[in-house]
N, C-alpha and C. Protein backbone atom coordinates (compact mmCIF):
# COMPACT_ATOMS: atom_id res chain seq x y z
N UNK A 1 0.81 -1.19 0.02
CA UNK A 1 -0.03 0.01 0.00
C UNK A 1 0.82 1.26 -0.01
N UNK A 2 2.13 1.20 0.18
CA UNK A 2 2.98 2.32 0.13
C UNK A 2 3.03 2.97 1.53
N UNK A 3 2.65 2.36 2.59
CA UNK A 3 2.70 2.92 3.94
C UNK A 3 4.12 2.92 4.44
N UNK A 4 4.47 3.87 5.29
CA UNK A 4 5.78 3.85 5.95
C UNK A 4 5.61 3.01 7.17
N UNK A 5 6.64 2.66 7.81
CA UNK A 5 6.60 1.84 9.01
C UNK A 5 5.76 2.45 10.08
N UNK A 6 5.91 3.78 10.27
CA UNK A 6 5.15 4.55 11.27
C UNK A 6 3.60 4.41 11.03
N UNK A 7 3.20 4.55 9.75
CA UNK A 7 1.82 4.44 9.36
C UNK A 7 1.26 3.02 9.76
N UNK A 8 2.00 2.00 9.51
CA UNK A 8 1.61 0.64 9.88
C UNK A 8 1.46 0.50 11.35
N UNK A 9 2.34 1.12 12.14
CA UNK A 9 2.20 1.04 13.60
C UNK A 9 0.95 1.80 14.02
N UNK A 10 0.62 2.90 13.37
CA UNK A 10 -0.58 3.65 13.79
C UNK A 10 -1.81 2.86 13.44
N UNK A 11 -1.81 2.15 12.31
CA UNK A 11 -2.98 1.35 11.97
C UNK A 11 -3.12 0.20 13.01
N UNK A 12 -2.01 -0.38 13.41
CA UNK A 12 -2.08 -1.48 14.37
C UNK A 12 -2.62 -0.98 15.75
N UNK A 13 -2.17 0.19 16.15
CA UNK A 13 -2.65 0.72 17.40
C UNK A 13 -4.21 1.04 17.29
N UNK A 14 -4.59 1.64 16.20
CA UNK A 14 -6.08 1.96 16.03
C UNK A 14 -6.82 0.61 16.00
N UNK A 15 -6.37 -0.41 15.34
CA UNK A 15 -7.05 -1.67 15.29
C UNK A 15 -7.14 -2.27 16.72
N UNK A 16 -6.06 -2.14 17.47
CA UNK A 16 -6.03 -2.69 18.83
C UNK A 16 -7.06 -1.99 19.68
N UNK A 17 -7.11 -0.66 19.53
CA UNK A 17 -8.10 0.12 20.35
C UNK A 17 -9.56 -0.27 19.91
N UNK A 18 -9.77 -0.40 18.69
CA UNK A 18 -11.13 -0.80 18.13
C UNK A 18 -11.59 -2.09 18.70
N UNK A 19 -10.61 -2.97 18.81
CA UNK A 19 -10.93 -4.31 19.36
C UNK A 19 -11.05 -4.41 20.89
N UNK A 20 -10.76 -3.28 21.48
CA UNK A 20 -10.82 -3.25 22.99
C UNK A 20 -9.62 -3.55 23.73
N UNK A 21 -8.46 -3.61 23.11
CA UNK A 21 -7.23 -3.93 23.78
C UNK A 21 -6.97 -2.74 24.73
N UNK A 22 -6.39 -2.99 25.86
CA UNK A 22 -6.04 -1.90 26.87
C UNK A 22 -4.64 -1.55 26.79
N UNK A 23 -3.70 -2.45 26.38
CA UNK A 23 -2.26 -2.21 26.39
C UNK A 23 -1.67 -2.82 25.11
N UNK A 24 -0.62 -2.18 24.61
CA UNK A 24 0.12 -2.56 23.42
C UNK A 24 1.60 -2.75 23.91
N UNK A 25 2.13 -3.96 23.75
CA UNK A 25 3.53 -4.22 24.09
C UNK A 25 4.31 -4.29 22.86
N UNK A 26 5.54 -3.60 22.82
CA UNK A 26 6.32 -3.61 21.61
C UNK A 26 7.83 -3.57 22.04
N UNK A 27 8.65 -4.09 21.09
CA UNK A 27 10.12 -3.95 21.20
C UNK A 27 10.58 -2.86 20.25
N UNK A 28 9.71 -2.21 19.54
CA UNK A 28 10.04 -1.19 18.53
C UNK A 28 10.34 0.12 19.31
N UNK A 29 11.64 0.46 19.38
CA UNK A 29 12.06 1.57 20.19
C UNK A 29 11.62 2.95 19.54
N UNK A 30 11.34 3.00 18.29
CA UNK A 30 10.97 4.19 17.67
C UNK A 30 9.51 4.52 17.66
N UNK A 31 8.71 3.52 18.01
CA UNK A 31 7.23 3.70 17.91
C UNK A 31 6.72 4.77 18.96
N UNK A 32 7.36 4.86 20.04
CA UNK A 32 6.94 5.86 21.08
C UNK A 32 7.03 7.25 20.48
N UNK A 33 7.96 7.51 19.60
CA UNK A 33 8.11 8.94 19.04
C UNK A 33 7.21 9.02 17.79
N UNK A 34 7.03 7.90 17.04
CA UNK A 34 6.20 7.93 15.88
C UNK A 34 4.70 7.92 16.14
N UNK A 35 4.32 7.30 17.24
CA UNK A 35 2.93 7.08 17.50
C UNK A 35 2.62 7.46 18.98
N UNK A 36 2.54 8.77 19.32
CA UNK A 36 2.23 9.07 20.69
C UNK A 36 0.90 8.53 21.18
N UNK A 37 0.79 8.12 22.43
CA UNK A 37 -0.45 7.52 22.91
C UNK A 37 -1.30 8.54 23.66
N UNK A 38 -0.88 9.77 23.84
CA UNK A 38 -1.61 10.72 24.52
C UNK A 38 -3.00 10.92 23.81
N UNK A 39 -4.04 10.79 24.65
CA UNK A 39 -5.36 10.84 24.08
C UNK A 39 -5.98 9.61 23.53
N UNK A 40 -5.14 8.57 23.49
CA UNK A 40 -5.68 7.25 23.06
C UNK A 40 -6.35 6.47 24.20
N UNK A 41 -7.07 5.51 23.84
CA UNK A 41 -7.74 4.60 24.87
C UNK A 41 -6.81 3.42 25.14
N UNK A 42 -5.64 3.39 24.58
CA UNK A 42 -4.70 2.27 24.77
C UNK A 42 -3.39 2.76 25.40
N UNK A 43 -2.78 1.97 26.21
CA UNK A 43 -1.48 2.26 26.76
C UNK A 43 -0.42 1.47 26.05
N UNK A 44 0.83 1.97 26.15
CA UNK A 44 1.91 1.25 25.50
C UNK A 44 3.06 0.98 26.39
N UNK A 45 3.57 -0.23 26.32
CA UNK A 45 4.78 -0.63 27.03
C UNK A 45 5.86 -0.89 26.00
N UNK A 46 6.95 -0.21 26.06
CA UNK A 46 8.09 -0.33 25.12
C UNK A 46 9.14 -1.12 25.89
N UNK A 47 9.42 -2.37 25.36
CA UNK A 47 10.35 -3.29 26.00
C UNK A 47 11.77 -3.05 25.45
N UNK A 48 12.69 -2.78 26.37
CA UNK A 48 14.09 -2.65 25.95
C UNK A 48 14.87 -3.90 26.40
N UNK A 49 15.29 -4.69 25.46
CA UNK A 49 16.06 -5.88 25.73
C UNK A 49 17.15 -5.95 24.61
N UNK A 50 18.14 -6.84 24.84
CA UNK A 50 19.24 -6.97 23.89
C UNK A 50 18.71 -7.39 22.52
N UNK A 51 17.77 -8.32 22.49
CA UNK A 51 17.14 -8.78 21.25
C UNK A 51 15.62 -8.90 21.55
N UNK A 52 14.88 -9.26 20.52
CA UNK A 52 13.44 -9.60 20.71
C UNK A 52 13.24 -11.07 20.90
N UNK A 53 14.23 -11.79 21.22
CA UNK A 53 14.11 -13.24 21.51
C UNK A 53 13.62 -13.46 22.87
N UNK A 54 12.84 -14.53 23.01
CA UNK A 54 12.18 -14.88 24.27
C UNK A 54 13.18 -14.87 25.47
N UNK A 55 14.28 -15.43 25.30
CA UNK A 55 15.29 -15.40 26.42
C UNK A 55 15.70 -14.10 26.88
N UNK A 56 15.74 -13.13 26.04
CA UNK A 56 16.10 -11.78 26.46
C UNK A 56 14.94 -11.04 26.99
N UNK A 57 13.75 -11.39 26.62
CA UNK A 57 12.49 -10.73 27.13
C UNK A 57 11.98 -11.37 28.47
N UNK A 58 12.27 -12.52 28.64
CA UNK A 58 11.73 -13.22 29.91
C UNK A 58 12.08 -12.48 31.18
N UNK A 59 13.29 -11.99 31.32
CA UNK A 59 13.61 -11.21 32.57
C UNK A 59 12.70 -9.97 32.83
N UNK A 60 12.01 -9.50 31.80
CA UNK A 60 11.12 -8.36 31.94
C UNK A 60 9.71 -8.69 32.43
N UNK A 61 9.41 -9.96 32.48
CA UNK A 61 7.98 -10.37 32.78
C UNK A 61 7.48 -9.78 34.06
N UNK A 62 8.18 -9.80 35.20
CA UNK A 62 7.75 -9.27 36.41
C UNK A 62 7.45 -7.76 36.27
N UNK A 63 8.32 -7.03 35.58
CA UNK A 63 8.12 -5.57 35.40
C UNK A 63 6.95 -5.32 34.48
N UNK A 64 6.72 -6.15 33.45
CA UNK A 64 5.62 -6.05 32.57
C UNK A 64 4.31 -6.23 33.44
N UNK A 65 4.22 -7.21 34.15
CA UNK A 65 3.04 -7.48 34.92
C UNK A 65 2.73 -6.37 35.91
N UNK A 66 3.75 -5.82 36.58
CA UNK A 66 3.51 -4.69 37.45
C UNK A 66 3.03 -3.50 36.68
N UNK A 67 3.69 -3.16 35.51
CA UNK A 67 3.28 -2.05 34.79
C UNK A 67 1.80 -2.21 34.26
N UNK A 68 1.43 -3.38 33.82
CA UNK A 68 0.09 -3.63 33.33
C UNK A 68 -0.97 -3.46 34.44
N UNK A 69 -0.59 -3.60 35.65
CA UNK A 69 -1.53 -3.45 36.75
C UNK A 69 -1.78 -1.97 37.11
N UNK A 70 -0.89 -1.04 36.66
CA UNK A 70 -0.98 0.32 37.04
C UNK A 70 -1.13 1.32 35.85
N UNK A 71 -0.73 0.90 34.68
CA UNK A 71 -0.76 1.80 33.55
C UNK A 71 -2.09 2.26 33.16
N UNK A 72 -2.22 3.49 32.73
CA UNK A 72 -3.50 4.06 32.40
C UNK A 72 -3.61 4.37 30.87
N UNK A 73 -4.77 4.45 30.33
CA UNK A 73 -4.95 4.66 28.89
C UNK A 73 -4.17 5.91 28.47
N UNK A 74 -3.49 5.89 27.42
CA UNK A 74 -2.69 6.99 26.91
C UNK A 74 -1.30 7.14 27.47
N UNK A 75 -0.90 6.32 28.48
CA UNK A 75 0.41 6.31 28.99
C UNK A 75 1.33 5.42 28.18
N UNK A 76 2.58 5.82 28.21
CA UNK A 76 3.74 4.96 27.68
C UNK A 76 4.72 4.72 28.76
N UNK A 77 5.09 3.51 28.90
CA UNK A 77 6.14 3.11 29.88
C UNK A 77 7.21 2.37 29.16
N UNK A 78 8.46 2.71 29.39
CA UNK A 78 9.65 1.93 28.86
C UNK A 78 10.15 1.03 29.96
N UNK A 79 10.36 -0.23 29.60
CA UNK A 79 10.81 -1.19 30.56
C UNK A 79 12.11 -1.85 30.06
N UNK A 80 13.06 -2.00 30.90
CA UNK A 80 14.29 -2.73 30.61
C UNK A 80 15.47 -1.86 30.54
């Protein structure tokens, strides 16, 4: 369709909101700048790990669960 990566991320966030998702987890470090969540009904957790492999993300699970219990719509939290 000729979309840029940022437009694809925006469409994904809009679709997640439409479907009723409350939080969006990503390892895409640039999405927070490309797609601000202020004013959205969805929150975003940006995961910082060495890679996007399960072994590198697993240590973040406790922090993810804590963040998910407190994060509010429109907020962005960086973890890791």
